Amino acid sequence: MGKSKQRIIAKAKNDKNQLQITRTQAIEMAYAKLSKNPSSTDAKKLISLFGLSAEELSEKGLTYEVLRALDGII
């Protein structure tokens, strides 16, 4: 895990809203948010925080068009 991600997680642990989700939960949350709104900023934050790949999201069921729209992030 990189230094930046460690700092982000450490900051979240000290905040009111603690980050206590697993990678699989992050994939599910990103999929749910992107299926409702393909330009969801919360989903983009999850993708960049966990480093989710296009393959993981497509296995979950995300469409090709939405994945192509996320080319700059993934």
N, C-alpha and C. Protein backbone atom coordinates (compact mmCIF):
# COMPACT_ATOMS: atom_id res chain seq x y z
N MET A 1 0.85 -1.17 0.00
CA MET A 1 0.00 0.00 0.00
C MET A 1 0.90 1.23 0.00
N GLY A 2 0.53 2.19 -0.84
CA GLY A 2 1.33 3.40 -0.95
C GLY A 2 1.15 4.33 0.22
N LYS A 3 2.07 5.29 0.34
CA LYS A 3 2.02 6.24 1.46
C LYS A 3 0.77 7.10 1.42
N SER A 4 0.36 7.51 0.23
CA SER A 4 -0.82 8.36 0.11
C SER A 4 -2.07 7.63 0.57
N LYS A 5 -2.23 6.38 0.14
CA LYS A 5 -3.40 5.61 0.54
C LYS A 5 -3.39 5.38 2.05
N GLN A 6 -2.20 5.15 2.63
CA GLN A 6 -2.11 4.96 4.08
C GLN A 6 -2.56 6.22 4.81
N ARG A 7 -2.16 7.39 4.28
CA ARG A 7 -2.56 8.65 4.91
C ARG A 7 -4.07 8.86 4.80
N ILE A 8 -4.63 8.55 3.65
CA ILE A 8 -6.07 8.72 3.45
C ILE A 8 -6.84 7.83 4.41
N ILE A 9 -6.42 6.58 4.51
CA ILE A 9 -7.11 5.64 5.40
C ILE A 9 -6.92 6.04 6.85
N ALA A 10 -5.72 6.49 7.22
CA ALA A 10 -5.48 6.93 8.60
C ALA A 10 -6.33 8.15 8.92
N LYS A 11 -6.47 9.06 7.96
CA LYS A 11 -7.30 10.24 8.18
C LYS A 11 -8.76 9.83 8.35
N ALA A 12 -9.21 8.88 7.55
CA ALA A 12 -10.59 8.41 7.66
C ALA A 12 -10.84 7.72 8.99
N LYS A 13 -9.83 7.05 9.53
CA LYS A 13 -10.01 6.38 10.82
C LYS A 13 -10.19 7.41 11.94
N ASN A 14 -9.61 8.59 11.79
CA ASN A 14 -9.71 9.61 12.82
C ASN A 14 -10.92 10.51 12.62
N ASP A 15 -11.52 10.49 11.45
CA ASP A 15 -12.70 11.33 11.19
C ASP A 15 -13.94 10.71 11.81
N LYS A 16 -15.03 11.46 11.71
CA LYS A 16 -16.30 10.95 12.20
C LYS A 16 -16.75 9.75 11.38
N ASN A 17 -16.59 9.85 10.07
CA ASN A 17 -17.01 8.77 9.17
C ASN A 17 -15.81 7.88 8.88
N GLN A 18 -15.74 6.79 9.58
CA GLN A 18 -14.59 5.90 9.42
C GLN A 18 -14.75 5.05 8.17
N LEU A 19 -13.64 4.81 7.50
CA LEU A 19 -13.62 3.98 6.30
C LEU A 19 -13.37 2.54 6.72
N GLN A 20 -14.42 1.77 6.75
CA GLN A 20 -14.28 0.37 7.15
C GLN A 20 -15.00 -0.51 6.14
N ILE A 21 -14.55 -0.47 4.89
CA ILE A 21 -15.14 -1.33 3.88
C ILE A 21 -14.03 -2.14 3.22
N THR A 22 -14.41 -3.29 2.71
CA THR A 22 -13.45 -4.15 2.03
C THR A 22 -13.44 -3.82 0.55
N ARG A 23 -12.51 -4.43 -0.16
CA ARG A 23 -12.39 -4.19 -1.60
C ARG A 23 -13.65 -4.66 -2.33
N THR A 24 -14.19 -5.81 -1.93
CA THR A 24 -15.39 -6.33 -2.59
C THR A 24 -16.58 -5.42 -2.35
N GLN A 25 -16.68 -4.87 -1.14
CA GLN A 25 -17.75 -3.92 -0.86
C GLN A 25 -17.57 -2.65 -1.67
N ALA A 26 -16.33 -2.22 -1.87
CA ALA A 26 -16.05 -1.04 -2.68
C ALA A 26 -16.47 -1.27 -4.13
N ILE A 27 -16.21 -2.47 -4.65
CA ILE A 27 -16.61 -2.80 -6.02
C ILE A 27 -18.13 -2.76 -6.14
N GLU A 28 -18.82 -3.34 -5.16
CA GLU A 28 -20.28 -3.35 -5.19
C GLU A 28 -20.86 -1.95 -5.09
N MET A 29 -20.27 -1.12 -4.22
CA MET A 29 -20.75 0.25 -4.07
C MET A 29 -20.50 1.06 -5.34
N ALA A 30 -19.33 0.91 -5.94
CA ALA A 30 -19.01 1.63 -7.17
C ALA A 30 -19.94 1.19 -8.30
N TYR A 31 -20.21 -0.11 -8.39
CA TYR A 31 -21.11 -0.61 -9.43
C TYR A 31 -22.51 -0.04 -9.24
N ALA A 32 -23.00 -0.04 -8.01
CA ALA A 32 -24.34 0.46 -7.75
C ALA A 32 -24.45 1.95 -8.09
N LYS A 33 -23.44 2.71 -7.73
CA LYS A 33 -23.47 4.16 -8.00
C LYS A 33 -23.34 4.44 -9.50
N LEU A 34 -22.47 3.69 -10.19
CA LEU A 34 -22.27 3.91 -11.62
C LEU A 34 -23.44 3.43 -12.46
N SER A 35 -24.16 2.42 -11.99
CA SER A 35 -25.32 1.95 -12.74
C SER A 35 -26.46 2.96 -12.66
N LYS A 36 -26.54 3.70 -11.56
CA LYS A 36 -27.55 4.75 -11.44
C LYS A 36 -27.12 6.02 -12.16
N ASN A 37 -25.84 6.41 -11.96
CA ASN A 37 -25.32 7.65 -12.53
C ASN A 37 -23.89 7.41 -13.01
N PRO A 38 -23.69 7.28 -14.33
CA PRO A 38 -22.35 6.98 -14.84
C PRO A 38 -21.29 8.05 -14.56
N SER A 39 -21.69 9.23 -14.15
CA SER A 39 -20.71 10.27 -13.83
C SER A 39 -20.64 10.55 -12.33
N SER A 40 -20.93 9.55 -11.52
CA SER A 40 -20.93 9.70 -10.07
C SER A 40 -19.53 9.98 -9.53
N THR A 41 -19.39 11.06 -8.80
CA THR A 41 -18.07 11.41 -8.23
C THR A 41 -17.71 10.48 -7.08
N ASP A 42 -18.71 10.02 -6.32
CA ASP A 42 -18.42 9.08 -5.23
C ASP A 42 -17.85 7.77 -5.76
N ALA A 43 -18.40 7.30 -6.86
CA ALA A 43 -17.89 6.06 -7.47
C ALA A 43 -16.48 6.28 -7.99
N LYS A 44 -16.22 7.43 -8.58
CA LYS A 44 -14.87 7.71 -9.09
C LYS A 44 -13.86 7.78 -7.95
N LYS A 45 -14.28 8.31 -6.81
CA LYS A 45 -13.39 8.36 -5.65
C LYS A 45 -13.08 6.95 -5.14
N LEU A 46 -14.08 6.08 -5.11
CA LEU A 46 -13.85 4.70 -4.69
C LEU A 46 -12.91 3.98 -5.65
N ILE A 47 -13.10 4.22 -6.94
CA ILE A 47 -12.25 3.58 -7.95
C ILE A 47 -10.80 4.00 -7.77
N SER A 48 -10.59 5.29 -7.56
CA SER A 48 -9.21 5.75 -7.42
C SER A 48 -8.62 5.38 -6.06
N LEU A 49 -9.41 5.36 -5.01
CA LEU A 49 -8.90 5.00 -3.69
C LEU A 49 -8.46 3.55 -3.63
N PHE A 50 -9.29 2.66 -4.16
CA PHE A 50 -8.98 1.24 -4.09
C PHE A 50 -8.22 0.74 -5.32
N GLY A 51 -8.07 1.58 -6.33
CA GLY A 51 -7.37 1.17 -7.55
C GLY A 51 -8.11 0.07 -8.29
N LEU A 52 -9.42 0.21 -8.38
CA LEU A 52 -10.23 -0.81 -9.03
C LEU A 52 -9.93 -0.84 -10.52
N SER A 53 -9.93 -2.03 -11.10
CA SER A 53 -9.65 -2.17 -12.52
C SER A 53 -10.95 -2.32 -13.30
N ALA A 54 -10.84 -2.09 -14.60
CA ALA A 54 -12.01 -2.24 -15.48
C ALA A 54 -12.49 -3.69 -15.48
N GLU A 55 -11.56 -4.62 -15.37
CA GLU A 55 -11.93 -6.04 -15.36
C GLU A 55 -12.80 -6.38 -14.16
N GLU A 56 -12.44 -5.86 -12.98
CA GLU A 56 -13.23 -6.13 -11.78
C GLU A 56 -14.64 -5.57 -11.92
N LEU A 57 -14.75 -4.37 -12.47
CA LEU A 57 -16.07 -3.75 -12.62
C LEU A 57 -16.89 -4.43 -13.70
N SER A 58 -16.24 -4.89 -14.77
CA SER A 58 -16.99 -5.59 -15.83
C SER A 58 -17.45 -6.96 -15.35
N GLU A 59 -16.66 -7.63 -14.50
CA GLU A 59 -17.08 -8.90 -13.93
C GLU A 59 -18.31 -8.72 -13.04
N LYS A 60 -18.40 -7.56 -12.41
CA LYS A 60 -19.56 -7.26 -11.57
C LYS A 60 -20.80 -7.02 -12.42
N GLY A 61 -20.60 -6.54 -13.67
CA GLY A 61 -21.75 -6.36 -14.55
C GLY A 61 -21.86 -4.98 -15.17
N LEU A 62 -20.84 -4.16 -15.04
CA LEU A 62 -20.87 -2.81 -15.60
C LEU A 62 -20.76 -2.89 -17.12
N THR A 63 -21.51 -2.04 -17.81
CA THR A 63 -21.55 -2.11 -19.27
C THR A 63 -20.28 -1.53 -19.89
N TYR A 64 -20.05 -1.89 -21.13
CA TYR A 64 -18.87 -1.45 -21.86
C TYR A 64 -18.87 0.06 -22.04
N GLU A 65 -20.03 0.64 -22.30
CA GLU A 65 -20.13 2.08 -22.52
C GLU A 65 -19.72 2.87 -21.29
N VAL A 66 -20.13 2.42 -20.13
CA VAL A 66 -19.77 3.11 -18.89
C VAL A 66 -18.28 2.96 -18.62
N LEU A 67 -17.74 1.79 -18.89
CA LEU A 67 -16.31 1.57 -18.71
C LEU A 67 -15.49 2.47 -19.64
N ARG A 68 -15.95 2.63 -20.87
CA ARG A 68 -15.25 3.52 -21.80
C ARG A 68 -15.33 4.97 -21.34
N ALA A 69 -16.40 5.34 -20.69
CA ALA A 69 -16.53 6.70 -20.17
C ALA A 69 -15.56 6.95 -19.01
N LEU A 70 -15.13 5.88 -18.36
CA LEU A 70 -14.22 6.00 -17.22
C LEU A 70 -12.76 5.78 -17.61
N ASP A 71 -12.44 5.87 -18.89
CA ASP A 71 -11.08 5.60 -19.36
C ASP A 71 -10.01 6.45 -18.65
N GLY A 72 -10.30 7.68 -18.35
CA GLY A 72 -9.32 8.55 -17.71
C GLY A 72 -9.03 8.17 -16.27
N ILE A 73 -9.93 7.47 -15.63
CA ILE A 73 -9.79 7.12 -14.21
C ILE A 73 -9.20 5.73 -14.05
N ILE A 74 -9.67 4.80 -14.86
CA ILE A 74 -9.26 3.39 -14.72
C ILE A 74 -7.96 3.18 -15.45
